[in-house]
Amino acid sequence: MDVGPRQGEEVVAVLDSIEDTKGNNGDQGELRVTTLRLIWTSKKNRRTNISIGHNCITSVNTRAAQSRLKGQTQSLYVLTKYHNQRFEFIFTALAEGTDMLFASVQGVFKAYDNSRLYRDLKLRGALIIERELKLLPLEQTYSRVNGVWNLSAEQGNLGTFFISNVRVVWYANLAENFNIRSVKVRDSKFGQALVIETTPASGGYILGFKVDPKETLDYVYKEISSLWQVYAANPVFGVEYKPDASGMGHGGLSIAPSEQDIEIVEPPERGDALAQYYADATKGVDRDPVFCSELGLAVEQLKEGLTIEQLWSVL
């Protein structure tokens, strides 16, 4: 696994002395916060690392946790979902800088969540105002093509194409909220129709468009192909995070080359490396009952680091 940044990915913060409290309790490491993911690397063995894409994250919050190096402390809880399985990651700042850890991770995740239009395929969205495309930050429109038929229905729908540096937008002339957008384009011509195929991550849609005359069809095909190649080489993800006045976030910190060239060699018979990160992995079986003095009742034993007061606070 390559833990170095990819094209279009920017490192926002590099935080030292961060413990992976759930999976490697007692092990100091480094946490890099980028515009696309969180990367934790152990200082003892750089082959021990975690890469968490922001797209998998469902929530980021702070709760009390038990650290071998720091004891009872406030930690960052990152809940994720991947392939119908839920995972929980806990990061603890061992040195001064807990606020920086919380602020940078939460700030970048919020910026990522607000920039999904750069990457997702969207149907029937409010993308058009008075027949003009609502531009995203960092977006630039290159062409507007009228008289484009969307072939998703048998009778077809007449509309307009907008081609920009980050997406292709089509909307129906009779209904502006009926639109199709593809951020990543796998393009080909099928007969006299323009065919746009989205990536499997976007649903694997195949979208057909009728563009007349033939010269316009050739022009649109070439322009989309060219812009897609430029985007693929240097993608614009739209994740903009600006640290506040206190300097939290340390935007734009670089990574030493030695940290990028990491060869990952999996040891034999390592088992399931993700097993220890399953969110409440023991809930397949009820835990033993214990007496709760606060309630005066017998209750199921709580998870380590969790209290009755914390459970009441989420209601």
C-alpha atoms as a PDB file:
ATOM      1  CA  MET A   1       0.000   0.000   0.000  1.00  0.00           C
ATOM      2  CA  ASP A   2       1.361   3.424  -0.991  1.00  0.00           C
ATOM      3  CA  VAL A   3       0.812   5.914   1.815  1.00  0.00           C
ATOM      4  CA  GLY A   4       2.352   8.832  -0.081  1.00  0.00           C
ATOM      5  CA  PRO A   5       0.062  11.563  -1.489  1.00  0.00           C
ATOM      6  CA  ARG A   6      -1.434  11.048  -4.948  1.00  0.00           C
ATOM      7  CA  GLN A   7      -1.903  13.633  -7.692  1.00  0.00           C
ATOM      8  CA  GLY A   8      -4.218  16.412  -6.520  1.00  0.00           C
ATOM      9  CA  GLU A   9      -3.870  15.424  -2.849  1.00  0.00           C
ATOM     10  CA  GLU A  10      -2.450  18.027  -0.477  1.00  0.00           C
ATOM     11  CA  VAL A  11      -1.062  17.539   3.024  1.00  0.00           C
ATOM     12  CA  VAL A  12      -2.821  19.938   5.382  1.00  0.00           C
ATOM     13  CA  ALA A  13      -1.262  18.999   8.723  1.00  0.00           C
ATOM     14  CA  VAL A  14       1.475  16.751  10.101  1.00  0.00           C
ATOM     15  CA  LEU A  15       0.876  15.959  13.780  1.00  0.00           C
ATOM     16  CA  ASP A  16       3.577  14.306  15.862  1.00  0.00           C
ATOM     17  CA  SER A  17       3.217  12.075  18.952  1.00  0.00           C
ATOM     18  CA  ILE A  18      -0.205  10.685  18.037  1.00  0.00           C
ATOM     19  CA  GLU A  19      -1.243   7.298  19.422  1.00  0.00           C
ATOM     20  CA  ASP A  20      -3.484   4.822  17.613  1.00  0.00           C
ATOM     21  CA  THR A  21      -5.229   4.056  20.878  1.00  0.00           C
ATOM     22  CA  LYS A  22      -7.484   1.258  19.655  1.00  0.00           C
ATOM     23  CA  GLY A  23      -5.207  -0.734  17.376  1.00  0.00           C
ATOM     24  CA  ASN A  24      -1.720   0.118  18.650  1.00  0.00           C
ATOM     25  CA  ASN A  25      -2.228   1.337  22.217  1.00  0.00           C
ATOM     26  CA  GLY A  26       1.077   2.492  23.688  1.00  0.00           C
ATOM     27  CA  ASP A  27       2.687   3.048  20.282  1.00  0.00           C
ATOM     28  CA  GLN A  28       3.611   6.601  19.284  1.00  0.00           C
ATOM     29  CA  GLY A  29       3.147   7.633  15.685  1.00  0.00           C
ATOM     30  CA  GLU A  30       2.603  10.451  13.250  1.00  0.00           C
ATOM     31  CA  LEU A  31      -0.752  11.514  11.837  1.00  0.00           C
ATOM     32  CA  ARG A  32      -0.900  13.241   8.468  1.00  0.00           C
ATOM     33  CA  VAL A  33      -4.138  14.983   7.560  1.00  0.00           C
ATOM     34  CA  THR A  34      -4.582  15.420   3.810  1.00  0.00           C
ATOM     35  CA  THR A  35      -7.419  16.694   1.661  1.00  0.00           C
ATOM     36  CA  LEU A  36      -8.424  13.072   0.905  1.00  0.00           C
ATOM     37  CA  ARG A  37      -7.574  10.960   3.967  1.00  0.00           C
ATOM     38  CA  LEU A  38      -5.959  10.448   7.367  1.00  0.00           C
ATOM     39  CA  ILE A  39      -2.631   8.602   7.431  1.00  0.00           C
ATOM     40  CA  TRP A  40      -1.229   7.280  10.723  1.00  0.00           C
ATOM     41  CA  THR A  41       2.267   5.746  10.739  1.00  0.00           C
ATOM     42  CA  SER A  42       3.982   4.060  13.680  1.00  0.00           C
ATOM     43  CA  LYS A  43       7.392   5.400  14.696  1.00  0.00           C
ATOM     44  CA  LYS A  44       8.577   1.942  15.743  1.00  0.00           C
ATOM     45  CA  ASN A  45       7.804   0.301  12.426  1.00  0.00           C
ATOM     46  CA  ARG A  46       6.709   2.373   9.440  1.00  0.00           C
ATOM     47  CA  ARG A  47       5.159  -0.727   7.912  1.00  0.00           C
ATOM     48  CA  THR A  48       2.511  -0.380  10.606  1.00  0.00           C
ATOM     49  CA  ASN A  49       0.235   2.296   9.181  1.00  0.00           C
ATOM     50  CA  ILE A  50      -3.394   3.202   8.553  1.00  0.00           C
ATOM     51  CA  SER A  51      -4.941   5.102   5.647  1.00  0.00           C
ATOM     52  CA  ILE A  52      -8.545   6.270   6.160  1.00  0.00           C
ATOM     53  CA  GLY A  53     -10.268   7.942   3.213  1.00  0.00           C
ATOM     54  CA  HIS A  54     -12.575  10.828   4.126  1.00  0.00           C
ATOM     55  CA  ASN A  55     -15.252   9.248   1.929  1.00  0.00           C
ATOM     56  CA  CYS A  56     -15.464   6.319   4.385  1.00  0.00           C
ATOM     57  CA  ILE A  57     -15.873   8.536   7.457  1.00  0.00           C
ATOM     58  CA  THR A  58     -19.382   8.800   8.893  1.00  0.00           C
ATOM     59  CA  SER A  59     -18.625  10.927  11.968  1.00  0.00           C
ATOM     60  CA  VAL A  60     -15.779  12.603  13.860  1.00  0.00           C
ATOM     61  CA  ASN A  61     -16.125  13.446  17.549  1.00  0.00           C
ATOM     62  CA  THR A  62     -14.259  13.504  20.855  1.00  0.00           C
ATOM     63  CA  ARG A  63     -14.745  11.225  23.841  1.00  0.00           C
ATOM     64  CA  ALA A  64     -12.777   9.911  26.781  1.00  0.00           C
ATOM     65  CA  ALA A  65     -10.415   7.012  26.110  1.00  0.00           C
ATOM     66  CA  GLN A  66      -7.818   5.038  28.056  1.00  0.00           C
ATOM     67  CA  SER A  67      -4.266   5.389  26.743  1.00  0.00           C
ATOM     68  CA  ARG A  68      -1.349   3.331  28.029  1.00  0.00           C
ATOM     69  CA  LEU A  69       0.949   6.324  27.605  1.00  0.00           C
ATOM     70  CA  LYS A  70      -1.336   9.124  28.816  1.00  0.00           C
ATOM     71  CA  GLY A  71      -3.997   7.409  30.918  1.00  0.00           C
ATOM     72  CA  GLN A  72      -7.576   8.679  30.861  1.00  0.00           C
ATOM     73  CA  THR A  73      -7.759  11.485  28.302  1.00  0.00           C
ATOM     74  CA  GLN A  74      -9.861  13.079  25.586  1.00  0.00           C
ATOM     75  CA  SER A  75      -9.328  11.380  22.237  1.00  0.00           C
ATOM     76  CA  LEU A  76     -10.514  11.727  18.674  1.00  0.00           C
ATOM     77  CA  TYR A  77     -13.023   9.053  17.597  1.00  0.00           C
ATOM     78  CA  VAL A  78     -13.341   8.453  13.850  1.00  0.00           C
ATOM     79  CA  LEU A  79     -16.257   6.225  12.828  1.00  0.00           C
ATOM     80  CA  THR A  80     -16.160   4.753   9.323  1.00  0.00           C
ATOM     81  CA  LYS A  81     -18.173   2.483   7.058  1.00  0.00           C
ATOM     82  CA  TYR A  82     -16.694   0.361   4.275  1.00  0.00           C
ATOM     83  CA  HIS A  83     -18.359  -2.495   2.361  1.00  0.00           C
ATOM     84  CA  ASN A  84     -21.254  -2.682   4.860  1.00  0.00           C
ATOM     85  CA  GLN A  85     -18.840  -3.003   7.786  1.00  0.00           C
ATOM     86  CA  ARG A  86     -18.277  -0.368  10.444  1.00  0.00           C
ATOM     87  CA  PHE A  87     -14.901   0.481  11.942  1.00  0.00           C
ATOM     88  CA  GLU A  88     -13.830   2.740  14.785  1.00  0.00           C
ATOM     89  CA  PHE A  89     -10.461   4.476  15.074  1.00  0.00           C
ATOM     90  CA  ILE A  90      -9.263   6.329  18.176  1.00  0.00           C
ATOM     91  CA  PHE A  91      -6.373   8.804  18.045  1.00  0.00           C
ATOM     92  CA  THR A  92      -4.822  10.429  21.121  1.00  0.00           C
ATOM     93  CA  ALA A  93      -2.415  13.388  21.158  1.00  0.00           C
ATOM     94  CA  LEU A  94       0.325  12.422  23.628  1.00  0.00           C
ATOM     95  CA  ALA A  95       1.970  15.851  23.648  1.00  0.00           C
ATOM     96  CA  GLU A  96       0.411  19.291  23.914  1.00  0.00           C
ATOM     97  CA  GLY A  97      -1.725  19.871  20.858  1.00  0.00           C
ATOM     98  CA  THR A  98      -4.982  18.039  21.446  1.00  0.00           C
ATOM     99  CA  ASP A  99      -6.942  21.035  20.165  1.00  0.00           C
ATOM    100  CA  MET A 100      -4.835  21.082  16.993  1.00  0.00           C
ATOM    101  CA  LEU A 101      -5.586  17.389  16.385  1.00  0.00           C
ATOM    102  CA  PHE A 102      -9.320  17.867  16.804  1.00  0.00           C
ATOM    103  CA  ALA A 103      -9.516  21.115  14.807  1.00  0.00           C
ATOM    104  CA  SER A 104      -7.491  19.976  11.804  1.00  0.00           C
ATOM    105  CA  VAL A 105      -9.232  16.611  11.368  1.00  0.00           C
ATOM    106  CA  GLN A 106     -12.736  17.980  11.867  1.00  0.00           C
ATOM    107  CA  GLY A 107     -12.060  21.025   9.682  1.00  0.00           C
ATOM    108  CA  VAL A 108     -10.673  19.048   6.745  1.00  0.00           C
ATOM    109  CA  PHE A 109     -13.437  16.429   6.961  1.00  0.00           C
ATOM    110  CA  LYS A 110     -16.065  19.181   6.848  1.00  0.00           C
ATOM    111  CA  ALA A 111     -14.345  20.766   3.836  1.00  0.00           C
ATOM    112  CA  TYR A 112     -14.253  17.372   2.087  1.00  0.00           C
ATOM    113  CA  ASP A 113     -17.912  16.706   2.834  1.00  0.00           C
ATOM    114  CA  ASN A 114     -18.888  20.094   1.388  1.00  0.00           C
ATOM    115  CA  SER A 115     -17.008  19.435  -1.868  1.00  0.00           C
ATOM    116  CA  ARG A 116     -18.722  16.223  -3.006  1.00  0.00           C
ATOM    117  CA  LEU A 117     -20.098  17.890  -6.151  1.00  0.00           C
ATOM    118  CA  TYR A 118     -16.558  17.741  -7.553  1.00  0.00           C
ATOM    119  CA  ARG A 119     -16.549  13.928  -7.400  1.00  0.00           C
ATOM    120  CA  ASP A 120     -20.105  12.546  -7.281  1.00  0.00           C
ATOM    121  CA  LEU A 121     -22.639  11.906 -10.010  1.00  0.00           C
ATOM    122  CA  LYS A 122     -25.825  13.843  -9.245  1.00  0.00           C
ATOM    123  CA  LEU A 123     -29.313  13.522 -10.715  1.00  0.00           C
ATOM    124  CA  ARG A 124     -31.999  16.201 -10.530  1.00  0.00           C
ATOM    125  CA  GLY A 125     -30.032  18.743  -8.538  1.00  0.00           C
ATOM    126  CA  ALA A 126     -30.352  22.517  -8.390  1.00  0.00           C
ATOM    127  CA  LEU A 127     -27.291  23.185 -10.545  1.00  0.00           C
ATOM    128  CA  ILE A 128     -28.810  25.726 -12.940  1.00  0.00           C
ATOM    129  CA  ILE A 129     -30.021  29.267 -12.210  1.00  0.00           C
ATOM    130  CA  GLU A 130     -31.747  31.147 -15.043  1.00  0.00           C
ATOM    131  CA  ARG A 131     -30.234  28.722 -17.562  1.00  0.00           C
ATOM    132  CA  GLU A 132     -26.694  29.388 -16.323  1.00  0.00           C
ATOM    133  CA  LEU A 133     -24.493  26.887 -14.485  1.00  0.00           C
ATOM    134  CA  LYS A 134     -23.816  27.581 -10.810  1.00  0.00           C
ATOM    135  CA  LEU A 135     -20.031  27.470 -10.759  1.00  0.00           C
ATOM    136  CA  LEU A 136     -18.144  25.771  -7.957  1.00  0.00           C
ATOM    137  CA  PRO A 137     -15.008  27.311  -6.435  1.00  0.00           C
ATOM    138  CA  LEU A 138     -12.006  26.535  -8.688  1.00  0.00           C
ATOM    139  CA  GLU A 139     -14.363  25.687 -11.582  1.00  0.00           C
ATOM    140  CA  GLN A 140     -14.105  27.243 -15.033  1.00  0.00           C
ATOM    141  CA  THR A 141     -16.601  26.728 -17.873  1.00  0.00           C
ATOM    142  CA  TYR A 142     -15.110  26.026 -21.305  1.00  0.00           C
ATOM    143  CA  SER A 143     -18.124  25.342 -23.539  1.00  0.00           C
ATOM    144  CA  ARG A 144     -21.886  25.561 -23.682  1.00  0.00           C
ATOM    145  CA  VAL A 145     -23.547  23.353 -26.304  1.00  0.00           C
ATOM    146  CA  ASN A 146     -27.244  23.738 -27.123  1.00  0.00           C
ATOM    147  CA  GLY A 147     -29.480  21.138 -28.762  1.00  0.00           C
ATOM    148  CA  VAL A 148     -28.124  18.055 -26.951  1.00  0.00           C
ATOM    149  CA  TRP A 149     -30.549  15.132 -26.610  1.00  0.00           C
ATOM    150  CA  ASN A 150     -30.326  12.951 -23.511  1.00  0.00           C
ATOM    151  CA  LEU A 151     -31.007   9.363 -24.645  1.00  0.00           C
ATOM    152  CA  SER A 152     -31.784   7.921 -21.201  1.00  0.00           C
ATOM    153  CA  ALA A 153     -35.471   7.835 -22.151  1.00  0.00           C
ATOM    154  CA  GLU A 154     -36.824   6.234 -25.330  1.00  0.00           C
ATOM    155  CA  GLN A 155     -38.245   9.491 -26.645  1.00  0.00           C
ATOM    156  CA  GLY A 156     -35.192  11.537 -25.614  1.00  0.00           C
ATOM    157  CA  ASN A 157     -35.055  14.886 -23.849  1.00  0.00           C
ATOM    158  CA  LEU A 158     -33.726  18.050 -25.455  1.00  0.00           C
ATOM    159  CA  GLY A 159     -31.295  20.025 -23.331  1.00  0.00           C
ATOM    160  CA  THR A 160     -27.995  21.864 -22.994  1.00  0.00           C
ATOM    161  CA  PHE A 161     -24.433  20.775 -22.200  1.00  0.00           C
ATOM    162  CA  PHE A 162     -21.995  22.669 -19.971  1.00  0.00           C
ATOM    163  CA  ILE A 163     -18.383  21.467 -20.121  1.00  0.00           C
ATOM    164  CA  SER A 164     -16.012  22.648 -17.381  1.00  0.00           C
ATOM    165  CA  ASN A 165     -12.611  21.690 -16.002  1.00  0.00           C
ATOM    166  CA  VAL A 166     -14.141  19.440 -13.294  1.00  0.00           C
ATOM    167  CA  ARG A 167     -17.447  18.099 -14.651  1.00  0.00           C
ATOM    168  CA  VAL A 168     -19.944  17.724 -17.479  1.00  0.00           C
ATOM    169  CA  VAL A 169     -23.450  19.071 -16.798  1.00  0.00           C
ATOM    170  CA  TRP A 170     -26.566  18.446 -18.885  1.00  0.00           C
ATOM    171  CA  TYR A 171     -29.974  19.934 -18.129  1.00  0.00           C
ATOM    172  CA  ALA A 172     -33.336  19.656 -19.867  1.00  0.00           C
ATOM    173  CA  ASN A 173     -34.609  22.822 -21.522  1.00  0.00           C
ATOM    174  CA  LEU A 174     -38.116  22.210 -20.160  1.00  0.00           C
ATOM    175  CA  ALA A 175     -37.032  21.346 -16.600  1.00  0.00           C
ATOM    176  CA  GLU A 176     -33.805  22.795 -15.235  1.00  0.00           C
ATOM    177  CA  ASN A 177     -33.712  20.444 -12.243  1.00  0.00           C
ATOM    178  CA  PHE A 178     -33.547  17.378 -14.507  1.00  0.00           C
ATOM    179  CA  ASN A 179     -29.832  17.018 -15.073  1.00  0.00           C
ATOM    180  CA  ILE A 180     -26.999  14.523 -15.334  1.00  0.00           C
ATOM    181  CA  ARG A 181     -23.461  15.253 -14.175  1.00  0.00           C
ATOM    182  CA  SER A 182     -20.310  13.163 -14.403  1.00  0.00           C
ATOM    183  CA  VAL A 183     -17.081  14.210 -12.753  1.00  0.00           C
ATOM    184  CA  LYS A 184     -14.946  11.423 -14.186  1.00  0.00           C
ATOM    185  CA  VAL A 185     -15.588  10.503 -17.798  1.00  0.00           C
ATOM    186  CA  ARG A 186     -14.719   7.317 -19.652  1.00  0.00           C
ATOM    187  CA  ASP A 187     -15.595   8.456 -23.094  1.00  0.00           C
ATOM    188  CA  SER A 188     -16.344   6.755 -26.431  1.00  0.00           C
ATOM    189  CA  LYS A 189     -18.612   7.253 -29.418  1.00  0.00           C
ATOM    190  CA  PHE A 190     -21.346   4.717 -30.153  1.00  0.00           C
ATOM    191  CA  GLY A 191     -22.620   5.317 -33.621  1.00  0.00           C
ATOM    192  CA  GLN A 192     -23.863   8.885 -33.801  1.00  0.00           C
ATOM    193  CA  ALA A 193     -24.221   9.235 -30.016  1.00  0.00           C
ATOM    194  CA  LEU A 194     -21.797  10.584 -27.459  1.00  0.00           C
ATOM    195  CA  VAL A 195     -21.342   7.994 -24.688  1.00  0.00           C
ATOM    196  CA  ILE A 196     -20.135   8.972 -21.218  1.00  0.00           C
ATOM    197  CA  GLU A 197     -19.344   6.115 -18.846  1.00  0.00           C
ATOM    198  CA  THR A 198     -18.794   6.848 -15.171  1.00  0.00           C
ATOM    199  CA  THR A 199     -16.438   5.000 -12.851  1.00  0.00           C
ATOM    200  CA  PRO A 200     -17.707   2.049 -10.760  1.00  0.00           C
ATOM    201  CA  ALA A 201     -17.391   4.227  -7.652  1.00  0.00           C
ATOM    202  CA  SER A 202     -19.965   6.587  -9.193  1.00  0.00           C
ATOM    203  CA  GLY A 203     -22.353   3.748  -9.994  1.00  0.00           C
ATOM    204  CA  GLY A 204     -20.962   2.621 -13.353  1.00  0.00           C
ATOM    205  CA  TYR A 205     -23.571   4.562 -15.354  1.00  0.00           C
ATOM    206  CA  ILE A 206     -23.516   4.679 -19.153  1.00  0.00           C
ATOM    207  CA  LEU A 207     -25.016   7.943 -20.399  1.00  0.00           C
ATOM    208  CA  GLY A 208     -25.859   8.548 -24.049  1.00  0.00           C
ATOM    209  CA  PHE A 209     -26.279  11.936 -25.743  1.00  0.00           C
ATOM    210  CA  LYS A 210     -27.288  12.876 -29.280  1.00  0.00           C
ATOM    211  CA  VAL A 211     -25.366  15.891 -30.577  1.00  0.00           C
ATOM    212  CA  ASP A 212     -26.040  17.399 -34.017  1.00  0.00           C
ATOM    213  CA  PRO A 213     -24.529  18.216 -36.429  1.00  0.00           C
ATOM    214  CA  LYS A 214     -21.640  15.757 -36.816  1.00  0.00           C
ATOM    215  CA  GLU A 215     -19.059  18.557 -36.542  1.00  0.00           C
ATOM    216  CA  THR A 216     -20.449  19.599 -33.146  1.00  0.00           C
ATOM    217  CA  LEU A 217     -20.441  15.984 -31.961  1.00  0.00           C
ATOM    218  CA  ASP A 218     -16.759  15.629 -32.888  1.00  0.00           C
ATOM    219  CA  TYR A 219     -15.921  18.923 -31.152  1.00  0.00           C
ATOM    220  CA  VAL A 220     -17.742  17.986 -27.928  1.00  0.00           C
ATOM    221  CA  TYR A 221     -16.153  14.531 -27.886  1.00  0.00           C
ATOM    222  CA  LYS A 222     -12.633  15.916 -28.331  1.00  0.00           C
ATOM    223  CA  GLU A 223     -13.082  18.647 -25.721  1.00  0.00           C
ATOM    224  CA  ILE A 224     -14.475  16.302 -23.058  1.00  0.00           C
ATOM    225  CA  SER A 225     -11.694  13.799 -23.801  1.00  0.00           C
ATOM    226  CA  SER A 226      -9.017  16.480 -23.494  1.00  0.00           C
ATOM    227  CA  LEU A 227     -10.401  17.993 -20.279  1.00  0.00           C
ATOM    228  CA  TRP A 228     -10.825  14.540 -18.731  1.00  0.00           C
ATOM    229  CA  GLN A 229      -7.180  13.685 -19.461  1.00  0.00           C
ATOM    230  CA  VAL A 230      -6.046  16.967 -17.890  1.00  0.00           C
ATOM    231  CA  TYR A 231      -8.250  16.314 -14.859  1.00  0.00           C
ATOM    232  CA  ALA A 232      -6.987  12.737 -14.483  1.00  0.00           C
ATOM    233  CA  ALA A 233      -3.364  13.939 -14.513  1.00  0.00           C
ATOM    234  CA  ASN A 234      -3.972  16.716 -11.978  1.00  0.00           C
ATOM    235  CA  PRO A 235      -7.459  16.371 -10.423  1.00  0.00           C
ATOM    236  CA  VAL A 236      -9.266  19.211  -8.686  1.00  0.00           C
ATOM    237  CA  PHE A 237     -11.007  17.743  -5.627  1.00  0.00           C
ATOM    238  CA  GLY A 238     -12.310  21.072  -4.349  1.00  0.00           C
ATOM    239  CA  VAL A 239     -11.247  20.467  -0.734  1.00  0.00           C
ATOM    240  CA  GLU A 240     -10.140  23.843   0.594  1.00  0.00           C
ATOM    241  CA  TYR A 241      -9.176  24.099   4.261  1.00  0.00           C
ATOM    242  CA  LYS A 242      -7.793  27.304   5.709  1.00  0.00           C
ATOM    243  CA  PRO A 243      -6.377  27.205   9.254  1.00  0.00           C
ATOM    244  CA  ASP A 244      -7.776  29.770  11.654  1.00  0.00           C
ATOM    245  CA  ALA A 245      -5.875  32.681  13.150  1.00  0.00           C
ATOM    246  CA  SER A 246      -4.289  30.452  15.810  1.00  0.00           C
ATOM    247  CA  GLY A 247      -2.420  28.572  13.094  1.00  0.00           C
ATOM    248  CA  MET A 248      -4.161  25.251  13.654  1.00  0.00           C
ATOM    249  CA  GLY A 249      -3.867  22.990  10.685  1.00  0.00           C
ATOM    250  CA  HIS A 250      -0.404  23.988   9.455  1.00  0.00           C
ATOM    251  CA  GLY A 251      -1.609  24.005   5.865  1.00  0.00           C
ATOM    252  CA  GLY A 252       0.844  22.970   3.193  1.00  0.00           C
ATOM    253  CA  LEU A 253       3.430  21.131   5.288  1.00  0.00           C
ATOM    254  CA  SER A 254       5.637  18.994   3.066  1.00  0.00           C
ATOM    255  CA  ILE A 255       6.667  15.377   3.581  1.00  0.00           C
ATOM    256  CA  ALA A 256      10.269  14.253   3.528  1.00  0.00           C
ATOM    257  CA  PRO A 257      11.077  11.958   0.566  1.00  0.00           C
ATOM    258  CA  SER A 258      12.088   9.158   2.931  1.00  0.00           C
ATOM    259  CA  GLU A 259       8.530   9.098   4.240  1.00  0.00           C
ATOM    260  CA  GLN A 260       7.026   8.688   0.790  1.00  0.00           C
ATOM    261  CA  ASP A 261       9.110   5.726  -0.400  1.00  0.00           C
ATOM    262  CA  ILE A 262       7.663   3.104   1.910  1.00  0.00           C
ATOM    263  CA  GLU A 263       7.583  -0.521   0.836  1.00  0.00           C
ATOM    264  CA  ILE A 264       4.850  -2.479   2.577  1.00  0.00           C
ATOM    265  CA  VAL A 265       5.675  -6.146   3.189  1.00  0.00           C
ATOM    266  CA  GLU A 266       2.885  -8.096   4.842  1.00  0.00           C
ATOM    267  CA  PRO A 267       4.105 -10.664   7.391  1.00  0.00           C
ATOM    268  CA  PRO A 268       2.802 -14.224   6.908  1.00  0.00           C
ATOM    269  CA  GLU A 269      -0.227 -15.377   8.898  1.00  0.00           C
ATOM    270  CA  ARG A 270      -0.976 -11.910  10.179  1.00  0.00           C
ATOM    271  CA  GLY A 271      -4.705 -12.583  10.548  1.00  0.00           C
ATOM    272  CA  ASP A 272      -7.327  -9.878  10.049  1.00  0.00           C
ATOM    273  CA  ALA A 273      -5.527  -6.564  10.571  1.00  0.00           C
ATOM    274  CA  LEU A 274      -8.861  -4.729  10.725  1.00  0.00           C
ATOM    275  CA  ALA A 275     -10.414  -6.987  13.367  1.00  0.00           C
ATOM    276  CA  GLN A 276      -9.298  -4.771  16.241  1.00  0.00           C
ATOM    277  CA  TYR A 277     -10.921  -1.731  14.602  1.00  0.00           C
ATOM    278  CA  TYR A 278     -14.423  -3.167  14.204  1.00  0.00           C
ATOM    279  CA  ALA A 279     -16.952  -0.860  15.825  1.00  0.00           C
ATOM    280  CA  ASP A 280     -18.132  -2.789  18.905  1.00  0.00           C
ATOM    281  CA  ALA A 281     -16.848  -6.083  17.519  1.00  0.00           C
ATOM    282  CA  THR A 282     -18.027  -7.950  20.648  1.00  0.00           C
ATOM    283  CA  LYS A 283     -21.713  -7.193  20.122  1.00  0.00           C
ATOM    284  CA  GLY A 284     -22.258 -10.524  18.438  1.00  0.00           C
ATOM    285  CA  VAL A 285     -22.492 -11.815  22.027  1.00  0.00           C
ATOM    286  CA  ASP A 286     -23.984  -9.982  25.009  1.00  0.00           C
ATOM    287  CA  ARG A 287     -21.484  -8.977  27.678  1.00  0.00           C
ATOM    288  CA  ASP A 288     -21.849 -10.194  31.256  1.00  0.00           C
ATOM    289  CA  PRO A 289     -24.192  -8.175  33.520  1.00  0.00           C
ATOM    290  CA  VAL A 290     -22.719  -6.012  36.284  1.00  0.00           C
ATOM    291  CA  PHE A 291     -24.253  -3.916  39.049  1.00  0.00           C
ATOM    292  CA  CYS A 292     -24.511  -0.198  38.217  1.00  0.00           C
ATOM    293  CA  SER A 293     -24.442   1.937  41.368  1.00  0.00           C
ATOM    294  CA  GLU A 294     -25.697   5.039  39.486  1.00  0.00           C
ATOM    295  CA  LEU A 295     -28.880   3.261  38.378  1.00  0.00           C
ATOM    296  CA  GLY A 296     -29.170   0.724  41.178  1.00  0.00           C
ATOM    297  CA  LEU A 297     -29.694  -1.966  38.551  1.00  0.00           C
ATOM    298  CA  ALA A 298     -27.828  -4.770  36.854  1.00  0.00           C
ATOM    299  CA  VAL A 299     -26.771  -3.686  33.356  1.00  0.00           C
ATOM    300  CA  GLU A 300     -24.718  -5.138  30.550  1.00  0.00           C
ATOM    301  CA  GLN A 301     -21.045  -4.386  31.102  1.00  0.00           C
ATOM    302  CA  LEU A 302     -20.046  -1.239  29.227  1.00  0.00           C
ATOM    303  CA  LYS A 303     -17.238  -1.007  26.733  1.00  0.00           C
ATOM    304  CA  GLU A 304     -13.866   0.084  28.095  1.00  0.00           C
ATOM    305  CA  GLY A 305     -13.682   3.865  28.498  1.00  0.00           C
ATOM    306  CA  LEU A 306     -17.478   4.345  28.326  1.00  0.00           C
ATOM    307  CA  THR A 307     -19.598   5.541  31.256  1.00  0.00           C
ATOM    308  CA  ILE A 308     -23.326   5.652  32.030  1.00  0.00           C
ATOM    309  CA  GLU A 309     -23.159   9.457  32.070  1.00  0.00           C
ATOM    310  CA  GLN A 310     -21.812   9.484  28.511  1.00  0.00           C
ATOM    311  CA  LEU A 311     -24.623   7.211  27.343  1.00  0.00           C
ATOM    312  CA  TRP A 312     -27.238   9.521  28.847  1.00  0.00           C
ATOM    313  CA  SER A 313     -25.604  12.558  27.211  1.00  0.00           C
ATOM    314  CA  VAL A 314     -26.282  11.265  23.678  1.00  0.00           C
ATOM    315  CA  LEU A 315     -30.039  10.957  24.243  1.00  0.00           C
END
